Amino acid sequence: MTMSLDGAIADPERFATVFDAHYEEIRRYIGRRLDIDIAEDLAAETFLIAFRRRGSFDAAKGGIRAWLYGIATHLIGRHRRVELRRYRALAKSAPSAADGFHDLRSSLVAAGQAGTRRNAGVVGAGLRLTRTKGPC
């Protein structure tokens, strides 16, 4: 379906027709590349960006669909880059196997149980496992 944005530029109320005509298609496009929950958010963001930038739409460069797909593709790429940075940061901050004892001890201290006789054995066993098995 080809639709002109000329009227939507002058009348923001008409932009709803663009949304109605293309939202599902854009959401499915994003959903095939990312999780469906993320697709709904990014599809909505696609139309928000399109609405805010509707004054810069140039029909000579292509139709509305191509313009919306371009915005959606940019958002997909941005989402993937942010996700990749997050995974890399998590990988760098992940504790090593040698830190396992410290995590156990910290958990017990936080729970107020580190000083009890019963948990002293658990902490000692954790320390022995860490020393004997080493990093997994």
C-alpha atoms as a PDB file:
ATOM      1  CA  MET A   1       0.000   0.000   0.000  1.00  0.00           C
ATOM      2  CA  THR A   2       1.476   3.334  -1.031  1.00  0.00           C
ATOM      3  CA  MET A   3       0.465   6.292   1.020  1.00  0.00           C
ATOM      4  CA  SER A   4       1.559   9.905   0.968  1.00  0.00           C
ATOM      5  CA  LEU A   5       2.831  11.513   4.124  1.00  0.00           C
ATOM      6  CA  ASP A   6       2.134  14.984   2.746  1.00  0.00           C
ATOM      7  CA  GLY A   7      -1.177  15.205   4.587  1.00  0.00           C
ATOM      8  CA  ALA A   8       0.299  13.679   7.748  1.00  0.00           C
ATOM      9  CA  ILE A   9       3.000  16.347   7.826  1.00  0.00           C
ATOM     10  CA  ALA A  10       0.428  19.109   7.850  1.00  0.00           C
ATOM     11  CA  ASP A  11      -2.080  17.192   9.989  1.00  0.00           C
ATOM     12  CA  PRO A  12      -0.589  14.985  12.731  1.00  0.00           C
ATOM     13  CA  GLU A  13      -4.008  13.370  13.234  1.00  0.00           C
ATOM     14  CA  ARG A  14      -3.622  11.733   9.818  1.00  0.00           C
ATOM     15  CA  PHE A  15      -0.368  10.112  10.885  1.00  0.00           C
ATOM     16  CA  ALA A  16      -2.520   7.505  12.628  1.00  0.00           C
ATOM     17  CA  THR A  17      -3.404   6.147   9.181  1.00  0.00           C
ATOM     18  CA  VAL A  18       0.308   5.512   8.543  1.00  0.00           C
ATOM     19  CA  PHE A  19       0.567   3.726  11.885  1.00  0.00           C
ATOM     20  CA  ASP A  20      -2.545   1.625  11.228  1.00  0.00           C
ATOM     21  CA  ALA A  21      -1.357   0.669   7.754  1.00  0.00           C
ATOM     22  CA  HIS A  22       2.196  -0.357   8.677  1.00  0.00           C
ATOM     23  CA  TYR A  23       2.536  -1.155  12.399  1.00  0.00           C
ATOM     24  CA  GLU A  24       1.962  -4.929  12.186  1.00  0.00           C
ATOM     25  CA  GLU A  25       4.301  -5.309   9.228  1.00  0.00           C
ATOM     26  CA  ILE A  26       7.085  -3.387  10.988  1.00  0.00           C
ATOM     27  CA  ARG A  27       6.516  -5.296  14.252  1.00  0.00           C
ATOM     28  CA  ARG A  28       6.746  -8.639  12.428  1.00  0.00           C
ATOM     29  CA  TYR A  29       9.911  -7.492  10.640  1.00  0.00           C
ATOM     30  CA  ILE A  30      11.571  -6.616  13.937  1.00  0.00           C
ATOM     31  CA  GLY A  31      10.165  -9.750  15.601  1.00  0.00           C
ATOM     32  CA  ARG A  32      11.859 -11.978  13.027  1.00  0.00           C
ATOM     33  CA  ARG A  33      15.184 -10.464  14.025  1.00  0.00           C
ATOM     34  CA  LEU A  34      14.716  -9.979  17.788  1.00  0.00           C
ATOM     35  CA  ASP A  35      12.500 -11.177  20.629  1.00  0.00           C
ATOM     36  CA  ILE A  36       8.775 -10.437  20.133  1.00  0.00           C
ATOM     37  CA  ASP A  37       8.562  -8.349  23.339  1.00  0.00           C
ATOM     38  CA  ILE A  38      11.423  -6.198  22.150  1.00  0.00           C
ATOM     39  CA  ALA A  39       9.823  -6.045  18.702  1.00  0.00           C
ATOM     40  CA  GLU A  40       6.711  -4.398  20.099  1.00  0.00           C
ATOM     41  CA  ASP A  41       8.767  -1.753  21.882  1.00  0.00           C
ATOM     42  CA  LEU A  42      10.982  -1.063  18.876  1.00  0.00           C
ATOM     43  CA  ALA A  43       8.019  -0.954  16.493  1.00  0.00           C
ATOM     44  CA  ALA A  44       6.399   1.665  18.703  1.00  0.00           C
ATOM     45  CA  GLU A  45       9.691   3.575  18.831  1.00  0.00           C
ATOM     46  CA  THR A  46       9.924   3.357  15.035  1.00  0.00           C
ATOM     47  CA  PHE A  47       6.627   5.192  14.678  1.00  0.00           C
ATOM     48  CA  LEU A  48       7.502   7.689  17.380  1.00  0.00           C
ATOM     49  CA  ILE A  49      10.701   8.571  15.515  1.00  0.00           C
ATOM     50  CA  ALA A  50       8.802   8.716  12.213  1.00  0.00           C
ATOM     51  CA  PHE A  51       6.219  11.039  13.763  1.00  0.00           C
ATOM     52  CA  ARG A  52       8.875  13.331  15.180  1.00  0.00           C
ATOM     53  CA  ARG A  53      10.804  13.382  11.895  1.00  0.00           C
ATOM     54  CA  ARG A  54       7.819  13.479   9.570  1.00  0.00           C
ATOM     55  CA  GLY A  55       8.907  16.897   8.363  1.00  0.00           C
ATOM     56  CA  SER A  56      12.117  15.408   6.943  1.00  0.00           C
ATOM     57  CA  PHE A  57      10.358  12.679   4.947  1.00  0.00           C
ATOM     58  CA  ASP A  58      11.186  12.984   1.251  1.00  0.00           C
ATOM     59  CA  ALA A  59       8.891  11.016  -1.031  1.00  0.00           C
ATOM     60  CA  ALA A  60      11.438  11.414  -3.840  1.00  0.00           C
ATOM     61  CA  LYS A  61      13.851   9.163  -1.922  1.00  0.00           C
ATOM     62  CA  GLY A  62      11.336   6.354  -1.474  1.00  0.00           C
ATOM     63  CA  GLY A  63       7.996   5.421  -0.047  1.00  0.00           C
ATOM     64  CA  ILE A  64       6.748   5.338   3.487  1.00  0.00           C
ATOM     65  CA  ARG A  65       7.419   1.614   3.865  1.00  0.00           C
ATOM     66  CA  ALA A  66      11.068   2.006   2.907  1.00  0.00           C
ATOM     67  CA  TRP A  67      11.418   4.939   5.292  1.00  0.00           C
ATOM     68  CA  LEU A  68       9.850   2.994   8.175  1.00  0.00           C
ATOM     69  CA  TYR A  69      11.951  -0.096   7.410  1.00  0.00           C
ATOM     70  CA  GLY A  70      15.069   2.091   7.467  1.00  0.00           C
ATOM     71  CA  ILE A  71      14.173   3.494  10.878  1.00  0.00           C
ATOM     72  CA  ALA A  72      13.375  -0.005  12.196  1.00  0.00           C
ATOM     73  CA  THR A  73      16.619  -1.444  10.822  1.00  0.00           C
ATOM     74  CA  HIS A  74      18.590   1.314  12.522  1.00  0.00           C
ATOM     75  CA  LEU A  75      16.841   0.568  15.836  1.00  0.00           C
ATOM     76  CA  ILE A  76      17.545  -3.178  15.468  1.00  0.00           C
ATOM     77  CA  GLY A  77      21.233  -2.462  14.931  1.00  0.00           C
ATOM     78  CA  ARG A  78      21.359  -0.103  17.887  1.00  0.00           C
ATOM     79  CA  HIS A  79      19.605  -2.674  20.094  1.00  0.00           C
ATOM     80  CA  ARG A  80      22.067  -5.391  19.083  1.00  0.00           C
ATOM     81  CA  ARG A  81      25.068  -3.148  19.790  1.00  0.00           C
ATOM     82  CA  VAL A  82      23.737  -2.227  23.240  1.00  0.00           C
ATOM     83  CA  GLU A  83      23.006  -5.887  23.981  1.00  0.00           C
ATOM     84  CA  LEU A  84      26.502  -6.921  22.867  1.00  0.00           C
ATOM     85  CA  ARG A  85      28.106  -4.285  25.101  1.00  0.00           C
ATOM     86  CA  ARG A  86      25.988  -5.488  28.017  1.00  0.00           C
ATOM     87  CA  TYR A  87      27.017  -9.132  27.466  1.00  0.00           C
ATOM     88  CA  ARG A  88      30.680  -8.169  27.226  1.00  0.00           C
ATOM     89  CA  ALA A  89      30.444  -6.181  30.459  1.00  0.00           C
ATOM     90  CA  LEU A  90      28.771  -9.115  32.191  1.00  0.00           C
ATOM     91  CA  ALA A  91      31.460 -11.485  30.934  1.00  0.00           C
ATOM     92  CA  LYS A  92      34.174  -9.212  32.309  1.00  0.00           C
ATOM     93  CA  SER A  93      32.479  -8.907  35.679  1.00  0.00           C
ATOM     94  CA  ALA A  94      31.660 -12.614  36.063  1.00  0.00           C
ATOM     95  CA  PRO A  95      33.377 -14.128  39.103  1.00  0.00           C
ATOM     96  CA  SER A  96      36.028 -16.752  38.541  1.00  0.00           C
ATOM     97  CA  ALA A  97      35.843 -20.184  40.171  1.00  0.00           C
ATOM     98  CA  ALA A  98      38.387 -19.044  42.767  1.00  0.00           C
ATOM     99  CA  ASP A  99      35.955 -16.323  43.787  1.00  0.00           C
ATOM    100  CA  GLY A 100      33.306 -18.939  44.543  1.00  0.00           C
ATOM    101  CA  PHE A 101      34.368 -19.253  48.170  1.00  0.00           C
ATOM    102  CA  HIS A 102      34.249 -15.494  48.641  1.00  0.00           C
ATOM    103  CA  ASP A 103      30.753 -15.361  47.157  1.00  0.00           C
ATOM    104  CA  LEU A 104      29.601 -18.124  49.520  1.00  0.00           C
ATOM    105  CA  ARG A 105      31.173 -16.414  52.518  1.00  0.00           C
ATOM    106  CA  SER A 106      29.689 -13.055  51.537  1.00  0.00           C
ATOM    107  CA  SER A 107      26.248 -14.607  51.183  1.00  0.00           C
ATOM    108  CA  LEU A 108      26.463 -16.163  54.618  1.00  0.00           C
ATOM    109  CA  VAL A 109      27.702 -12.949  56.193  1.00  0.00           C
ATOM    110  CA  ALA A 110      24.893 -11.018  54.541  1.00  0.00           C
ATOM    111  CA  ALA A 111      22.400 -13.534  55.878  1.00  0.00           C
ATOM    112  CA  GLY A 112      23.908 -13.180  59.373  1.00  0.00           C
ATOM    113  CA  GLN A 113      24.805 -16.863  59.527  1.00  0.00           C
ATOM    114  CA  ALA A 114      28.553 -16.926  58.983  1.00  0.00           C
ATOM    115  CA  GLY A 115      29.392 -17.235  62.646  1.00  0.00           C
ATOM    116  CA  THR A 116      27.235 -20.240  63.431  1.00  0.00           C
ATOM    117  CA  ARG A 117      28.869 -23.596  64.068  1.00  0.00           C
ATOM    118  CA  ARG A 118      26.639 -25.338  61.507  1.00  0.00           C
ATOM    119  CA  ASN A 119      27.613 -22.978  58.690  1.00  0.00           C
ATOM    120  CA  ALA A 120      31.305 -23.060  59.584  1.00  0.00           C
ATOM    121  CA  GLY A 121      31.389 -26.573  58.145  1.00  0.00           C
ATOM    122  CA  VAL A 122      29.689 -25.430  54.951  1.00  0.00           C
ATOM    123  CA  VAL A 123      32.183 -22.590  54.522  1.00  0.00           C
ATOM    124  CA  GLY A 124      35.097 -24.953  55.201  1.00  0.00           C
ATOM    125  CA  ALA A 125      33.766 -27.481  52.690  1.00  0.00           C
ATOM    126  CA  GLY A 126      33.409 -24.735  50.110  1.00  0.00           C
ATOM    127  CA  LEU A 127      36.988 -23.660  50.718  1.00  0.00           C
ATOM    128  CA  ARG A 128      38.288 -27.242  50.372  1.00  0.00           C
ATOM    129  CA  LEU A 129      36.354 -27.713  47.101  1.00  0.00           C
ATOM    130  CA  THR A 130      37.738 -24.481  45.716  1.00  0.00           C
ATOM    131  CA  ARG A 131      41.288 -25.477  46.627  1.00  0.00           C
ATOM    132  CA  THR A 132      41.100 -29.060  45.365  1.00  0.00           C
ATOM    133  CA  LYS A 133      39.116 -28.633  42.167  1.00  0.00           C
ATOM    134  CA  GLY A 134      40.418 -25.280  41.079  1.00  0.00           C
ATOM    135  CA  PRO A 135      38.733 -23.388  38.280  1.00  0.00           C
ATOM    136  CA  CYS A 136      36.097 -25.349  36.399  1.00  0.00           C
END
